[in-house]
Amino acid sequence: MIIETILSAGQKLFDLRGELSSAKQARKQQVAEYLAAIAQTIDEASASLKQGTPPYGKCQELLRHSQQMEAAIGDLIGVHEAGDLGRQLREAWEIERLYGELDSAAPTERERKLSVLDQAAGLFRATAAFVRVSP
């Protein structure tokens, strides 16, 4: 559930990349940095989980990102949409719980879930890159 929620939020933001790119250049850099920070949090959590260790501190980072969503991108995609995305990301903030879920999962299911988590990070990273280089 946590992984799928993060993936869904990443996909929605990727789908909104055109709106996110409509800002002036300085604003686009702020948005790109925000999205890249979310990707980094997810990447670091995934790396810890792959090593068999809990992703300590990543819950708080993900929660902070979710709380900043409206302020970070609400002016570009609408406060309501940004609020919905923030709430969606907030649903997945307990990313450290994945350690227990993955620890008890079959190896193939563990790999599948970690792959989906990496895909989610990739969507945030791709959206950040798109926004950063858009004209």
C-alpha atoms as a PDB file:
ATOM      1  CA  MET A   1       0.000   0.000   0.000  1.00  0.00           C
ATOM      2  CA  ILE A   2       2.759   2.448   0.916  1.00  0.00           C
ATOM      3  CA  ILE A   3       4.715   1.792  -2.263  1.00  0.00           C
ATOM      4  CA  GLU A   4       1.663   1.967  -4.509  1.00  0.00           C
ATOM      5  CA  THR A   5       0.591   5.253  -2.916  1.00  0.00           C
ATOM      6  CA  ILE A   6       4.013   6.804  -3.502  1.00  0.00           C
ATOM      7  CA  LEU A   7       3.994   5.520  -7.091  1.00  0.00           C
ATOM      8  CA  SER A   8       0.530   6.988  -7.681  1.00  0.00           C
ATOM      9  CA  ALA A   9       1.594  10.409  -6.356  1.00  0.00           C
ATOM     10  CA  GLY A  10       4.692  10.304  -8.548  1.00  0.00           C
ATOM     11  CA  GLN A  11       2.623   9.409 -11.603  1.00  0.00           C
ATOM     12  CA  LYS A  12       0.158  12.228 -10.955  1.00  0.00           C
ATOM     13  CA  LEU A  13       2.982  14.737 -10.630  1.00  0.00           C
ATOM     14  CA  PHE A  14       4.597  13.405 -13.801  1.00  0.00           C
ATOM     15  CA  ASP A  15       1.261  13.848 -15.589  1.00  0.00           C
ATOM     16  CA  LEU A  16       1.194  17.475 -14.343  1.00  0.00           C
ATOM     17  CA  ARG A  17       4.726  18.239 -15.580  1.00  0.00           C
ATOM     18  CA  GLY A  18       3.383  20.657 -18.204  1.00  0.00           C
ATOM     19  CA  GLU A  19       1.661  22.761 -15.562  1.00  0.00           C
ATOM     20  CA  LEU A  20       4.726  22.574 -13.317  1.00  0.00           C
ATOM     21  CA  SER A  21       6.867  23.824 -16.210  1.00  0.00           C
ATOM     22  CA  SER A  22       4.745  26.894 -16.816  1.00  0.00           C
ATOM     23  CA  ALA A  23       6.563  28.935 -14.178  1.00  0.00           C
ATOM     24  CA  LYS A  24       9.349  31.391 -14.730  1.00  0.00           C
ATOM     25  CA  GLN A  25      12.858  29.937 -14.704  1.00  0.00           C
ATOM     26  CA  ALA A  26      13.773  30.766 -11.095  1.00  0.00           C
ATOM     27  CA  ARG A  27      10.493  29.260  -9.871  1.00  0.00           C
ATOM     28  CA  LYS A  28      11.022  26.148 -12.004  1.00  0.00           C
ATOM     29  CA  GLN A  29      14.356  25.573 -10.282  1.00  0.00           C
ATOM     30  CA  GLN A  30      12.655  25.690  -6.866  1.00  0.00           C
ATOM     31  CA  VAL A  31      10.013  23.198  -8.009  1.00  0.00           C
ATOM     32  CA  ALA A  32      12.643  20.912  -9.523  1.00  0.00           C
ATOM     33  CA  GLU A  33      14.683  20.978  -6.308  1.00  0.00           C
ATOM     34  CA  TYR A  34      11.597  20.122  -4.256  1.00  0.00           C
ATOM     35  CA  LEU A  35      10.685  17.175  -6.491  1.00  0.00           C
ATOM     36  CA  ALA A  36      14.294  15.996  -6.612  1.00  0.00           C
ATOM     37  CA  ALA A  37      14.397  16.044  -2.788  1.00  0.00           C
ATOM     38  CA  ILE A  38      11.371  13.739  -2.681  1.00  0.00           C
ATOM     39  CA  ALA A  39      13.072  11.413  -5.182  1.00  0.00           C
ATOM     40  CA  GLN A  40      16.225  11.405  -3.069  1.00  0.00           C
ATOM     41  CA  THR A  41      14.269  10.493   0.076  1.00  0.00           C
ATOM     42  CA  ILE A  42      12.633   7.587  -1.750  1.00  0.00           C
ATOM     43  CA  ASP A  43      15.976   6.500  -3.284  1.00  0.00           C
ATOM     44  CA  GLU A  44      17.675   6.524   0.110  1.00  0.00           C
ATOM     45  CA  ALA A  45      14.824   4.549   1.689  1.00  0.00           C
ATOM     46  CA  SER A  46      15.016   2.008  -1.120  1.00  0.00           C
ATOM     47  CA  ALA A  47      18.787   1.673  -0.756  1.00  0.00           C
ATOM     48  CA  SER A  48      18.440   1.016   2.981  1.00  0.00           C
ATOM     49  CA  LEU A  49      15.713  -1.551   2.402  1.00  0.00           C
ATOM     50  CA  LYS A  50      17.810  -3.319  -0.233  1.00  0.00           C
ATOM     51  CA  GLN A  51      20.611  -3.593   2.314  1.00  0.00           C
ATOM     52  CA  GLY A  52      18.192  -5.100   4.824  1.00  0.00           C
ATOM     53  CA  THR A  53      18.158  -2.120   7.182  1.00  0.00           C
ATOM     54  CA  PRO A  54      15.240   0.105   8.173  1.00  0.00           C
ATOM     55  CA  PRO A  55      15.215   3.477   6.395  1.00  0.00           C
ATOM     56  CA  TYR A  56      15.642   5.473   9.593  1.00  0.00           C
ATOM     57  CA  GLY A  57      14.583   9.099   9.372  1.00  0.00           C
ATOM     58  CA  LYS A  58      12.861   8.742   6.011  1.00  0.00           C
ATOM     59  CA  CYS A  59       9.377   8.801   7.593  1.00  0.00           C
ATOM     60  CA  GLN A  60       9.980  12.312   8.871  1.00  0.00           C
ATOM     61  CA  GLU A  61      11.477  13.446   5.560  1.00  0.00           C
ATOM     62  CA  LEU A  62       8.519  12.096   3.580  1.00  0.00           C
ATOM     63  CA  LEU A  63       6.082  13.663   6.050  1.00  0.00           C
ATOM     64  CA  ARG A  64       7.858  17.029   5.713  1.00  0.00           C
ATOM     65  CA  HIS A  65       7.699  16.804   1.905  1.00  0.00           C
ATOM     66  CA  SER A  66       3.974  16.013   2.062  1.00  0.00           C
ATOM     67  CA  GLN A  67       3.357  19.000   4.340  1.00  0.00           C
ATOM     68  CA  GLN A  68       5.218  21.314   1.945  1.00  0.00           C
ATOM     69  CA  MET A  69       3.365  20.199  -1.205  1.00  0.00           C
ATOM     70  CA  GLU A  70       0.787  23.016  -1.300  1.00  0.00           C
ATOM     71  CA  ALA A  71       3.368  25.734  -0.722  1.00  0.00           C
ATOM     72  CA  ALA A  72       5.834  24.154  -3.134  1.00  0.00           C
ATOM     73  CA  ILE A  73       3.589  23.697  -6.180  1.00  0.00           C
ATOM     74  CA  GLY A  74       0.064  24.913  -5.327  1.00  0.00           C
ATOM     75  CA  ASP A  75       0.486  28.098  -7.345  1.00  0.00           C
ATOM     76  CA  LEU A  76       1.237  26.057 -10.463  1.00  0.00           C
ATOM     77  CA  ILE A  77      -1.226  23.161 -10.320  1.00  0.00           C
ATOM     78  CA  GLY A  78      -3.835  24.632  -7.997  1.00  0.00           C
ATOM     79  CA  VAL A  79      -3.961  24.545  -4.223  1.00  0.00           C
ATOM     80  CA  HIS A  80      -6.650  21.838  -4.218  1.00  0.00           C
ATOM     81  CA  GLU A  81      -4.653  19.499  -6.478  1.00  0.00           C
ATOM     82  CA  ALA A  82      -1.457  20.138  -4.521  1.00  0.00           C
ATOM     83  CA  GLY A  83      -3.314  19.503  -1.272  1.00  0.00           C
ATOM     84  CA  ASP A  84      -4.639  16.205  -2.600  1.00  0.00           C
ATOM     85  CA  LEU A  85      -1.132  15.153  -3.643  1.00  0.00           C
ATOM     86  CA  GLY A  86       0.248  16.195  -0.264  1.00  0.00           C
ATOM     87  CA  ARG A  87      -2.409  14.136   1.514  1.00  0.00           C
ATOM     88  CA  GLN A  88      -1.686  11.186  -0.752  1.00  0.00           C
ATOM     89  CA  LEU A  89       2.025  11.366   0.011  1.00  0.00           C
ATOM     90  CA  ARG A  90       1.205  11.783   3.706  1.00  0.00           C
ATOM     91  CA  GLU A  91      -0.656   8.442   3.577  1.00  0.00           C
ATOM     92  CA  ALA A  92       2.668   6.800   2.753  1.00  0.00           C
ATOM     93  CA  TRP A  93       4.860   8.702   5.187  1.00  0.00           C
ATOM     94  CA  GLU A  94       5.494   5.654   7.388  1.00  0.00           C
ATOM     95  CA  ILE A  95       7.940   4.293   4.871  1.00  0.00           C
ATOM     96  CA  GLU A  96       9.992   2.686   7.662  1.00  0.00           C
ATOM     97  CA  ARG A  97       7.173   0.134   8.057  1.00  0.00           C
ATOM     98  CA  LEU A  98       8.228  -1.293   4.715  1.00  0.00           C
ATOM     99  CA  TYR A  99      11.164  -2.908   6.466  1.00  0.00           C
ATOM    100  CA  GLY A 100       8.851  -5.284   8.331  1.00  0.00           C
ATOM    101  CA  GLU A 101       6.685  -5.914   5.288  1.00  0.00           C
ATOM    102  CA  LEU A 102       9.657  -6.696   3.080  1.00  0.00           C
ATOM    103  CA  ASP A 103      11.393  -8.767   5.748  1.00  0.00           C
ATOM    104  CA  SER A 104       8.465 -11.189   5.817  1.00  0.00           C
ATOM    105  CA  ALA A 105       7.848 -11.170   2.030  1.00  0.00           C
ATOM    106  CA  ALA A 106       8.961 -13.886  -0.363  1.00  0.00           C
ATOM    107  CA  PRO A 107      12.151 -12.920  -2.252  1.00  0.00           C
ATOM    108  CA  THR A 108      10.339 -12.381  -5.559  1.00  0.00           C
ATOM    109  CA  GLU A 109       7.684 -10.197  -3.926  1.00  0.00           C
ATOM    110  CA  ARG A 110      10.395  -8.252  -2.076  1.00  0.00           C
ATOM    111  CA  GLU A 111      12.208  -7.561  -5.346  1.00  0.00           C
ATOM    112  CA  ARG A 112       8.976  -6.569  -7.082  1.00  0.00           C
ATOM    113  CA  LYS A 113       8.075  -4.102  -4.337  1.00  0.00           C
ATOM    114  CA  LEU A 114      11.554  -2.578  -4.285  1.00  0.00           C
ATOM    115  CA  SER A 115      11.409  -2.247  -8.068  1.00  0.00           C
ATOM    116  CA  VAL A 116       8.108  -0.357  -7.812  1.00  0.00           C
ATOM    117  CA  LEU A 117       9.615   1.900  -5.135  1.00  0.00           C
ATOM    118  CA  ASP A 118      12.525   2.650  -7.477  1.00  0.00           C
ATOM    119  CA  GLN A 119      10.048   3.361 -10.253  1.00  0.00           C
ATOM    120  CA  ALA A 120       8.258   5.854  -8.001  1.00  0.00           C
ATOM    121  CA  ALA A 121      11.537   7.628  -7.241  1.00  0.00           C
ATOM    122  CA  GLY A 122      12.224   7.688 -10.962  1.00  0.00           C
ATOM    123  CA  LEU A 123       8.921   9.436 -11.656  1.00  0.00           C
ATOM    124  CA  PHE A 124       9.710  12.183  -9.158  1.00  0.00           C
ATOM    125  CA  ARG A 125      13.235  12.493 -10.582  1.00  0.00           C
ATOM    126  CA  ALA A 126      11.961  12.581 -14.185  1.00  0.00           C
ATOM    127  CA  THR A 127       9.384  15.247 -13.347  1.00  0.00           C
ATOM    128  CA  ALA A 128      12.096  17.332 -11.657  1.00  0.00           C
ATOM    129  CA  ALA A 129      14.359  16.976 -14.689  1.00  0.00           C
ATOM    130  CA  PHE A 130      11.554  17.887 -17.098  1.00  0.00           C
ATOM    131  CA  VAL A 131      10.671  20.997 -15.099  1.00  0.00           C
ATOM    132  CA  ARG A 132      14.339  21.993 -14.773  1.00  0.00           C
ATOM    133  CA  VAL A 133      15.085  21.893 -18.521  1.00  0.00           C
ATOM    134  CA  SER A 134      11.754  23.088 -19.895  1.00  0.00           C
ATOM    135  CA  PRO A 135      11.881  26.361 -21.837  1.00  0.00           C
END
